[in-house]
PDB file of N, CA and C in Angstrom:
ATOM      1  N   MET A   1      24.585   3.835 -22.506  1.00  0.00           N
ATOM      2  CA  MET A   1      24.051   3.198 -21.318  1.00  0.00           C
ATOM      3  C   MET A   1      22.524   3.286 -21.355  1.00  0.00           C
ATOM      4  N   PHE A   2      21.862   2.195 -21.028  1.00  0.00           N
ATOM      5  CA  PHE A   2      20.407   2.141 -21.134  1.00  0.00           C
ATOM      6  C   PHE A   2      19.700   3.018 -20.117  1.00  0.00           C
ATOM      7  N   LEU A   3      20.396   3.501 -19.095  1.00  0.00           N
ATOM      8  CA  LEU A   3      19.757   4.328 -18.074  1.00  0.00           C
ATOM      9  C   LEU A   3      19.767   5.813 -18.405  1.00  0.00           C
ATOM     10  N   ASN A   4      20.446   6.209 -19.450  1.00  0.00           N
ATOM     11  CA  ASN A   4      20.578   7.636 -19.749  1.00  0.00           C
ATOM     12  C   ASN A   4      19.254   8.390 -19.800  1.00  0.00           C
ATOM     13  N   PRO A   5      18.191   7.872 -20.430  1.00  0.00           N
ATOM     14  CA  PRO A   5      16.941   8.645 -20.468  1.00  0.00           C
ATOM     15  C   PRO A   5      16.153   8.616 -19.157  1.00  0.00           C
ATOM     16  N   LEU A   6      16.488   7.713 -18.254  1.00  0.00           N
ATOM     17  CA  LEU A   6      15.701   7.546 -17.036  1.00  0.00           C
ATOM     18  C   LEU A   6      15.665   8.791 -16.147  1.00  0.00           C
ATOM     19  N   PRO A   7      16.789   9.430 -15.836  1.00  0.00           N
ATOM     20  CA  PRO A   7      16.713  10.636 -14.977  1.00  0.00           C
ATOM     21  C   PRO A   7      15.852  11.744 -15.574  1.00  0.00           C
ATOM     22  N   GLN A   8      15.960  11.947 -16.869  1.00  0.00           N
ATOM     23  CA  GLN A   8      15.145  12.989 -17.508  1.00  0.00           C
ATOM     24  C   GLN A   8      13.668  12.645 -17.421  1.00  0.00           C
ATOM     25  N   LEU A   9      13.323  11.414 -17.660  1.00  0.00           N
ATOM     26  CA  LEU A   9      11.928  10.984 -17.571  1.00  0.00           C
ATOM     27  C   LEU A   9      11.403  11.161 -16.152  1.00  0.00           C
ATOM     28  N   ILE A  10      12.174  10.738 -15.172  1.00  0.00           N
ATOM     29  CA  ILE A  10      11.732  10.843 -13.777  1.00  0.00           C
ATOM     30  C   ILE A  10      11.549  12.301 -13.381  1.00  0.00           C
ATOM     31  N   CYS A  11      12.487  13.153 -13.738  1.00  0.00           N
ATOM     32  CA  CYS A  11      12.371  14.571 -13.389  1.00  0.00           C
ATOM     33  C   CYS A  11      11.176  15.213 -14.083  1.00  0.00           C
ATOM     34  N   THR A  12      10.877  14.796 -15.308  1.00  0.00           N
ATOM     35  CA  THR A  12       9.715  15.324 -16.021  1.00  0.00           C
ATOM     36  C   THR A  12       8.429  14.913 -15.312  1.00  0.00           C
ATOM     37  N   VAL A  13       8.341  13.647 -14.929  1.00  0.00           N
ATOM     38  CA  VAL A  13       7.143  13.154 -14.253  1.00  0.00           C
ATOM     39  C   VAL A  13       6.988  13.783 -12.879  1.00  0.00           C
ATOM     40  N   MET A  14       8.111  13.934 -12.160  1.00  0.00           N
ATOM     41  CA  MET A  14       8.066  14.495 -10.807  1.00  0.00           C
ATOM     42  C   MET A  14       7.849  15.994 -10.815  1.00  0.00           C
ATOM     43  N   GLY A  15       8.106  16.638 -11.939  1.00  0.00           N
ATOM     44  CA  GLY A  15       7.982  18.095 -11.982  1.00  0.00           C
ATOM     45  C   GLY A  15       9.223  18.742 -11.414  1.00  0.00           C
ATOM     46  N   SER A  16      10.286  18.736 -12.170  1.00  0.00           N
ATOM     47  CA  SER A  16      11.584  19.310 -11.805  1.00  0.00           C
ATOM     48  C   SER A  16      12.141  18.721 -10.506  1.00  0.00           C
ATOM     49  N   CYS A  17      11.979  17.440 -10.356  1.00  0.00           N
ATOM     50  CA  CYS A  17      12.579  16.671  -9.259  1.00  0.00           C
ATOM     51  C   CYS A  17      12.138  17.119  -7.873  1.00  0.00           C
ATOM     52  N   ALA A  18      10.963  17.704  -7.749  1.00  0.00           N
ATOM     53  CA  ALA A  18      10.413  18.029  -6.431  1.00  0.00           C
ATOM     54  C   ALA A  18       9.539  16.867  -5.988  1.00  0.00           C
ATOM     55  N   ARG A  19       9.706  16.425  -4.760  1.00  0.00           N
ATOM     56  CA  ARG A  19       8.935  15.282  -4.261  1.00  0.00           C
ATOM     57  C   ARG A  19       7.644  15.758  -3.611  1.00  0.00           C
ATOM     58  N   PRO A  20       6.507  15.544  -4.260  1.00  0.00           N
ATOM     59  CA  PRO A  20       5.245  15.953  -3.641  1.00  0.00           C
ATOM     60  C   PRO A  20       4.929  15.068  -2.441  1.00  0.00           C
ATOM     61  N   SER A  21       4.478  15.680  -1.355  1.00  0.00           N
ATOM     62  CA  SER A  21       4.136  14.893  -0.165  1.00  0.00           C
ATOM     63  C   SER A  21       3.041  15.600   0.623  1.00  0.00           C
ATOM     64  N   ILE A  22       2.346  14.799   1.421  1.00  0.00           N
ATOM     65  CA  ILE A  22       1.357  15.323   2.358  1.00  0.00           C
ATOM     66  C   ILE A  22       1.697  14.737   3.715  1.00  0.00           C
ATOM     67  N   ASP A  23       1.940  15.585   4.680  1.00  0.00           N
ATOM     68  CA  ASP A  23       2.304  15.150   6.027  1.00  0.00           C
ATOM     69  C   ASP A  23       3.467  14.163   6.024  1.00  0.00           C
ATOM     70  N   GLY A  24       4.427  14.377   5.147  1.00  0.00           N
ATOM     71  CA  GLY A  24       5.611  13.534   5.104  1.00  0.00           C
ATOM     72  C   GLY A  24       5.464  12.255   4.309  1.00  0.00           C
ATOM     73  N   PHE A  25       4.268  11.955   3.790  1.00  0.00           N
ATOM     74  CA  PHE A  25       4.072  10.752   2.987  1.00  0.00           C
ATOM     75  C   PHE A  25       4.184  11.116   1.518  1.00  0.00           C
ATOM     76  N   LEU A  26       5.071  10.414   0.813  1.00  0.00           N
ATOM     77  CA  LEU A  26       5.268  10.689  -0.602  1.00  0.00           C
ATOM     78  C   LEU A  26       4.039  10.277  -1.395  1.00  0.00           C
ATOM     79  N   LEU A  27       3.689  11.074  -2.401  1.00  0.00           N
ATOM     80  CA  LEU A  27       2.504  10.812  -3.186  1.00  0.00           C
ATOM     81  C   LEU A  27       2.775   9.963  -4.418  1.00  0.00           C
ATOM     82  N   GLN A  28       4.007   9.919  -4.893  1.00  0.00           N
ATOM     83  CA  GLN A  28       4.302   9.219  -6.132  1.00  0.00           C
ATOM     84  C   GLN A  28       5.575   8.396  -5.993  1.00  0.00           C
ATOM     85  N   GLY A  29       5.794   7.520  -6.973  1.00  0.00           N
ATOM     86  CA  GLY A  29       7.004   6.717  -7.049  1.00  0.00           C
ATOM     87  C   GLY A  29       6.782   5.355  -6.435  1.00  0.00           C
ATOM     88  N   PRO A  30       7.555   4.394  -6.751  1.00  0.00           N
ATOM     89  CA  PRO A  30       8.679   4.449  -7.677  1.00  0.00           C
ATOM     90  C   PRO A  30       8.212   4.573  -9.134  1.00  0.00           C
ATOM     91  N   TYR A  31       9.095   5.093  -9.945  1.00  0.00           N
ATOM     92  CA  TYR A  31       8.795   5.293 -11.351  1.00  0.00           C
ATOM     93  C   TYR A  31       9.375   4.197 -12.220  1.00  0.00           C
ATOM     94  N   SER A  32      10.305   3.427 -11.661  1.00  0.00           N
ATOM     95  CA  SER A  32      10.947   2.381 -12.438  1.00  0.00           C
ATOM     96  C   SER A  32      11.322   1.224 -11.527  1.00  0.00           C
ATOM     97  N   ILE A  33      10.982   0.017 -11.952  1.00  0.00           N
ATOM     98  CA  ILE A  33      11.425  -1.200 -11.283  1.00  0.00           C
ATOM     99  C   ILE A  33      12.239  -1.961 -12.315  1.00  0.00           C
ATOM    100  N   ILE A  34      13.512  -2.154 -12.021  1.00  0.00           N
ATOM    101  CA  ILE A  34      14.424  -2.748 -12.983  1.00  0.00           C
ATOM    102  C   ILE A  34      14.885  -4.103 -12.471  1.00  0.00           C
ATOM    103  N   LEU A  35      14.775  -5.105 -13.321  1.00  0.00           N
ATOM    104  CA  LEU A  35      15.142  -6.462 -12.962  1.00  0.00           C
ATOM    105  C   LEU A  35      16.559  -6.764 -13.436  1.00  0.00           C
ATOM    106  N   ALA A  36      17.327  -7.397 -12.587  1.00  0.00           N
ATOM    107  CA  ALA A  36      18.686  -7.815 -12.926  1.00  0.00           C
ATOM    108  C   ALA A  36      18.786  -9.327 -12.741  1.00  0.00           C
ATOM    109  N   PRO A  37      19.678  -9.988 -13.471  1.00  0.00           N
ATOM    110  CA  PRO A  37      19.778 -11.442 -13.362  1.00  0.00           C
ATOM    111  C   PRO A  37      20.473 -11.932 -12.088  1.00  0.00           C
ATOM    112  N   THR A  38      21.317 -11.098 -11.478  1.00  0.00           N
ATOM    113  CA  THR A  38      22.017 -11.521 -10.262  1.00  0.00           C
ATOM    114  C   THR A  38      22.024 -10.397  -9.235  1.00  0.00           C
ATOM    115  N   ARG A  39      22.181 -10.774  -7.975  1.00  0.00           N
ATOM    116  CA  ARG A  39      22.226  -9.794  -6.884  1.00  0.00           C
ATOM    117  C   ARG A  39      23.427  -8.869  -7.047  1.00  0.00           C
ATOM    118  N   GLU A  40      24.566  -9.441  -7.404  1.00  0.00           N
ATOM    119  CA  GLU A  40      25.777  -8.639  -7.555  1.00  0.00           C
ATOM    120  C   GLU A  40      25.616  -7.589  -8.650  1.00  0.00           C
ATOM    121  N   LEU A  41      24.999  -7.987  -9.758  1.00  0.00           N
ATOM    122  CA  LEU A  41      24.786  -7.038 -10.851  1.00  0.00           C
ATOM    123  C   LEU A  41      23.809  -5.948 -10.434  1.00  0.00           C
ATOM    124  N   ALA A  42      22.753  -6.313  -9.722  1.00  0.00           N
ATOM    125  CA  ALA A  42      21.792  -5.313  -9.245  1.00  0.00           C
ATOM    126  C   ALA A  42      22.482  -4.289  -8.349  1.00  0.00           C
ATOM    127  N   GLN A  43      23.360  -4.748  -7.457  1.00  0.00           N
ATOM    128  CA  GLN A  43      24.063  -3.841  -6.554  1.00  0.00           C
ATOM    129  C   GLN A  43      25.048  -2.955  -7.319  1.00  0.00           C
ATOM    130  N   GLN A  44      25.751  -3.523  -8.297  1.00  0.00           N
ATOM    131  CA  GLN A  44      26.699  -2.727  -9.084  1.00  0.00           C
ATOM    132  C   GLN A  44      25.981  -1.649  -9.893  1.00  0.00           C
ATOM    133  N   ILE A  45      24.869  -2.015 -10.508  1.00  0.00           N
ATOM    134  CA  ILE A  45      24.132  -1.041 -11.318  1.00  0.00           C
ATOM    135  C   ILE A  45      23.536   0.040 -10.418  1.00  0.00           C
ATOM    136  N   GLU A  46      23.089  -0.326  -9.227  1.00  0.00           N
ATOM    137  CA  GLU A  46      22.558   0.678  -8.302  1.00  0.00           C
ATOM    138  C   GLU A  46      23.635   1.693  -7.943  1.00  0.00           C
ATOM    139  N   GLU A  47      24.846   1.218  -7.682  1.00  0.00           N
ATOM    140  CA  GLU A  47      25.951   2.132  -7.367  1.00  0.00           C
ATOM    141  C   GLU A  47      26.197   3.105  -8.507  1.00  0.00           C
ATOM    142  N   GLU A  48      26.192   2.599  -9.739  1.00  0.00           N
ATOM    143  CA  GLU A  48      26.417   3.471 -10.896  1.00  0.00           C
ATOM    144  C   GLU A  48      25.254   4.438 -11.091  1.00  0.00           C
ATOM    145  N   THR A  49      24.044   3.963 -10.861  1.00  0.00           N
ATOM    146  CA  THR A  49      22.868   4.829 -10.993  1.00  0.00           C
ATOM    147  C   THR A  49      22.914   5.959  -9.977  1.00  0.00           C
ATOM    148  N   ASN A  50      23.380   5.667  -8.772  1.00  0.00           N
ATOM    149  CA  ASN A  50      23.470   6.701  -7.736  1.00  0.00           C
ATOM    150  C   ASN A  50      24.436   7.814  -8.118  1.00  0.00           C
ATOM    151  N   LYS A  51      25.444   7.512  -8.921  1.00  0.00           N
ATOM    152  CA  LYS A  51      26.423   8.531  -9.310  1.00  0.00           C
ATOM    153  C   LYS A  51      25.773   9.693 -10.057  1.00  0.00           C
ATOM    154  N   PHE A  52      24.823   9.379 -10.960  1.00  0.00           N
ATOM    155  CA  PHE A  52      24.164  10.487 -11.671  1.00  0.00           C
ATOM    156  C   PHE A  52      22.785  10.798 -11.104  1.00  0.00           C
ATOM    157  N   GLY A  53      22.222   9.913 -10.312  1.00  0.00           N
ATOM    158  CA  GLY A  53      20.897  10.155  -9.775  1.00  0.00           C
ATOM    159  C   GLY A  53      20.884  11.030  -8.538  1.00  0.00           C
ATOM    160  N   GLN A  54      21.870  10.896  -7.673  1.00  0.00           N
ATOM    161  CA  GLN A  54      21.878  11.668  -6.425  1.00  0.00           C
ATOM    162  C   GLN A  54      21.892  13.174  -6.655  1.00  0.00           C
ATOM    163  N   PRO A  55      22.685  13.695  -7.583  1.00  0.00           N
ATOM    164  CA  PRO A  55      22.637  15.155  -7.803  1.00  0.00           C
ATOM    165  C   PRO A  55      21.257  15.647  -8.253  1.00  0.00           C
ATOM    166  N   LEU A  56      20.466  14.770  -8.847  1.00  0.00           N
ATOM    167  CA  LEU A  56      19.122  15.137  -9.307  1.00  0.00           C
ATOM    168  C   LEU A  56      18.052  14.849  -8.266  1.00  0.00           C
ATOM    169  N   GLY A  57      18.450  14.265  -7.139  1.00  0.00           N
ATOM    170  CA  GLY A  57      17.485  13.924  -6.105  1.00  0.00           C
ATOM    171  C   GLY A  57      16.760  12.619  -6.373  1.00  0.00           C
ATOM    172  N   ILE A  58      17.316  11.793  -7.249  1.00  0.00           N
ATOM    173  CA  ILE A  58      16.705  10.510  -7.576  1.00  0.00           C
ATOM    174  C   ILE A  58      17.289   9.454  -6.649  1.00  0.00           C
ATOM    175  N   ARG A  59      16.407   8.816  -5.889  1.00  0.00           N
ATOM    176  CA  ARG A  59      16.855   7.811  -4.925  1.00  0.00           C
ATOM    177  C   ARG A  59      16.573   6.415  -5.458  1.00  0.00           C
ATOM    178  N   THR A  60      17.500   5.505  -5.195  1.00  0.00           N
ATOM    179  CA  THR A  60      17.341   4.127  -5.637  1.00  0.00           C
ATOM    180  C   THR A  60      17.402   3.193  -4.439  1.00  0.00           C
ATOM    181  N   VAL A  61      16.756   2.041  -4.584  1.00  0.00           N
ATOM    182  CA  VAL A  61      16.795   1.001  -3.560  1.00  0.00           C
ATOM    183  C   VAL A  61      17.001  -0.334  -4.262  1.00  0.00           C
ATOM    184  N   VAL A  62      17.929  -1.131  -3.760  1.00  0.00           N
ATOM    185  CA  VAL A  62      18.091  -2.489  -4.267  1.00  0.00           C
ATOM    186  C   VAL A  62      17.390  -3.421  -3.290  1.00  0.00           C
ATOM    187  N   VAL A  63      16.524  -4.302  -3.825  1.00  0.00           N
ATOM    188  CA  VAL A  63      15.753  -5.235  -3.003  1.00  0.00           C
ATOM    189  C   VAL A  63      16.136  -6.646  -3.435  1.00  0.00           C
ATOM    190  N   VAL A  64      16.992  -7.289  -2.635  1.00  0.00           N
ATOM    191  CA  VAL A  64      17.474  -8.630  -2.947  1.00  0.00           C
ATOM    192  C   VAL A  64      17.632  -9.430  -1.663  1.00  0.00           C
ATOM    193  N   GLY A  65      17.691 -10.736  -1.820  1.00  0.00           N
ATOM    194  CA  GLY A  65      17.951 -11.593  -0.674  1.00  0.00           C
ATOM    195  C   GLY A  65      19.399 -11.451  -0.233  1.00  0.00           C
ATOM    196  N   GLY A  66      19.654 -11.774   1.021  1.00  0.00           N
ATOM    197  CA  GLY A  66      21.017 -11.705   1.536  1.00  0.00           C
ATOM    198  C   GLY A  66      21.355 -10.372   2.169  1.00  0.00           C
ATOM    199  N   LEU A  67      20.472  -9.398   2.035  1.00  0.00           N
ATOM    200  CA  LEU A  67      20.652  -8.100   2.683  1.00  0.00           C
ATOM    201  C   LEU A  67      19.565  -7.945   3.738  1.00  0.00           C
ATOM    202  N   SER A  68      19.767  -7.025   4.645  1.00  0.00           N
ATOM    203  CA  SER A  68      18.822  -6.801   5.736  1.00  0.00           C
ATOM    204  C   SER A  68      17.437  -6.419   5.215  1.00  0.00           C
ATOM    205  N   ARG A  69      16.423  -7.199   5.595  1.00  0.00           N
ATOM    206  CA  ARG A  69      15.051  -6.859   5.213  1.00  0.00           C
ATOM    207  C   ARG A  69      14.623  -5.540   5.824  1.00  0.00           C
ATOM    208  N   GLU A  70      15.037  -5.322   7.071  1.00  0.00           N
ATOM    209  CA  GLU A  70      14.653  -4.092   7.762  1.00  0.00           C
ATOM    210  C   GLU A  70      15.203  -2.868   7.044  1.00  0.00           C
ATOM    211  N   GLU A  71      16.488  -2.926   6.647  1.00  0.00           N
ATOM    212  CA  GLU A  71      17.106  -1.789   5.950  1.00  0.00           C
ATOM    213  C   GLU A  71      16.434  -1.556   4.604  1.00  0.00           C
ATOM    214  N   GLN A  72      16.179  -2.626   3.860  1.00  0.00           N
ATOM    215  CA  GLN A  72      15.523  -2.485   2.564  1.00  0.00           C
ATOM    216  C   GLN A  72      14.109  -1.915   2.725  1.00  0.00           C
ATOM    217  N   GLY A  73      13.368  -2.419   3.718  1.00  0.00           N
ATOM    218  CA  GLY A  73      12.019  -1.921   3.976  1.00  0.00           C
ATOM    219  C   GLY A  73      12.027  -0.463   4.398  1.00  0.00           C
ATOM    220  N   PHE A  74      13.001  -0.085   5.228  1.00  0.00           N
ATOM    221  CA  PHE A  74      13.121   1.305   5.664  1.00  0.00           C
ATOM    222  C   PHE A  74      13.370   2.217   4.475  1.00  0.00           C
ATOM    223  N   ARG A  75      14.294   1.815   3.593  1.00  0.00           N
ATOM    224  CA  ARG A  75      14.614   2.641   2.429  1.00  0.00           C
ATOM    225  C   ARG A  75      13.408   2.758   1.487  1.00  0.00           C
ATOM    226  N   LEU A  76      12.631   1.674   1.358  1.00  0.00           N
ATOM    227  CA  LEU A  76      11.423   1.739   0.524  1.00  0.00           C
ATOM    228  C   LEU A  76      10.387   2.685   1.124  1.00  0.00           C
ATOM    229  N   ARG A  77      10.208   2.618   2.453  1.00  0.00           N
ATOM    230  CA  ARG A  77       9.240   3.505   3.112  1.00  0.00           C
ATOM    231  C   ARG A  77       9.658   4.967   3.025  1.00  0.00           C
ATOM    232  N   MET A  78      10.959   5.222   2.977  1.00  0.00           N
ATOM    233  CA  MET A  78      11.443   6.597   2.866  1.00  0.00           C
ATOM    234  C   MET A  78      11.181   7.169   1.469  1.00  0.00           C
ATOM    235  N   GLY A  79      10.883   6.283   0.536  1.00  0.00           N
ATOM    236  CA  GLY A  79      10.573   6.719  -0.821  1.00  0.00           C
ATOM    237  C   GLY A  79      11.758   6.550  -1.745  1.00  0.00           C
ATOM    238  N   CYS A  80      11.455   6.196  -2.969  1.00  0.00           N
ATOM    239  CA  CYS A  80      12.501   6.067  -3.983  1.00  0.00           C
ATOM    240  C   CYS A  80      11.858   6.229  -5.354  1.00  0.00           C
ATOM    241  N   GLU A  81      12.700   6.476  -6.310  1.00  0.00           N
ATOM    242  CA  GLU A  81      12.231   6.618  -7.683  1.00  0.00           C
ATOM    243  C   GLU A  81      12.557   5.377  -8.511  1.00  0.00           C
ATOM    244  N   VAL A  82      13.624   4.651  -8.148  1.00  0.00           N
ATOM    245  CA  VAL A  82      14.050   3.466  -8.895  1.00  0.00           C
ATOM    246  C   VAL A  82      14.269   2.314  -7.923  1.00  0.00           C
ATOM    247  N   ILE A  83      13.728   1.143  -8.255  1.00  0.00           N
ATOM    248  CA  ILE A  83      13.954  -0.069  -7.471  1.00  0.00           C
ATOM    249  C   ILE A  83      14.706  -1.060  -8.348  1.00  0.00           C
ATOM    250  N   TRP A  84      15.771  -1.616  -7.802  1.00  0.00           N
ATOM    251  CA  TRP A  84      16.516  -2.688  -8.460  1.00  0.00           C
ATOM    252  C   TRP A  84      16.189  -3.975  -7.735  1.00  0.00           C
ATOM    253  N   THR A  85      15.860  -5.001  -8.466  1.00  0.00           N
ATOM    254  CA  THR A  85      15.568  -6.287  -7.849  1.00  0.00           C
ATOM    255  C   THR A  85      15.949  -7.400  -8.810  1.00  0.00           C
ATOM    256  N   LEU A  86      15.784  -8.637  -8.356  1.00  0.00           N
ATOM    257  CA  LEU A  86      16.143  -9.783  -9.182  1.00  0.00           C
ATOM    258  C   LEU A  86      14.956 -10.249 -10.006  1.00  0.00           C
ATOM    259  N   HIS A  87      15.260 -10.791 -11.145  1.00  0.00           N
ATOM    260  CA  HIS A  87      14.248 -11.431 -11.971  1.00  0.00           C
ATOM    261  C   HIS A  87      13.706 -12.617 -11.196  1.00  0.00           C
ATOM    262  N   LEU A  88      12.428 -12.879 -11.257  1.00  0.00           N
ATOM    263  CA  LEU A  88      11.791 -13.914 -10.459  1.00  0.00           C
ATOM    264  C   LEU A  88      12.448 -15.277 -10.620  1.00  0.00           C
ATOM    265  N   THR A  89      12.848 -15.623 -11.829  1.00  0.00           N
ATOM    266  CA  THR A  89      13.476 -16.936 -12.016  1.00  0.00           C
ATOM    267  C   THR A  89      14.811 -17.018 -11.301  1.00  0.00           C
ATOM    268  N   SER A  90      15.502 -15.886 -11.151  1.00  0.00           N
ATOM    269  CA  SER A  90      16.769 -15.877 -10.405  1.00  0.00           C
ATOM    270  C   SER A  90      16.522 -16.157  -8.932  1.00  0.00           C
ATOM    271  N   CYS A  91      15.403 -15.685  -8.401  1.00  0.00           N
ATOM    272  CA  CYS A  91      15.084 -15.879  -6.993  1.00  0.00           C
ATOM    273  C   CYS A  91      14.687 -17.321  -6.700  1.00  0.00           C
ATOM    274  N   MET A  92      14.154 -18.003  -7.705  1.00  0.00           N
ATOM    275  CA  MET A  92      13.635 -19.346  -7.481  1.00  0.00           C
ATOM    276  C   MET A  92      14.708 -20.426  -7.575  1.00  0.00           C
ATOM    277  N   GLN A  93      15.911 -20.087  -8.026  1.00  0.00           N
ATOM    278  CA  GLN A  93      16.956 -21.083  -8.186  1.00  0.00           C
ATOM    279  C   GLN A  93      17.626 -21.410  -6.887  1.00  0.00           C
TER     280      GLN A  93
END
């Protein structure tokens, strides 16, 4: 799976998966923005990524059309390490 090295890289950059913050504002991240060809694929891959990312404290957000903008914006403001979104040409069709 192409995501296997991602958790190790993120934890190395974050310093043992601790989220640095000042007054509740995260100082770093996202560390990866991954493009998918379809919304359904982005959502499926996010679900699979959460299976191994959550135990490490790695948070993901999928940003696609057809879902609540408010919820997506809230999750982005809360901080994440990985963002899943659509390839620009997929959005323009």
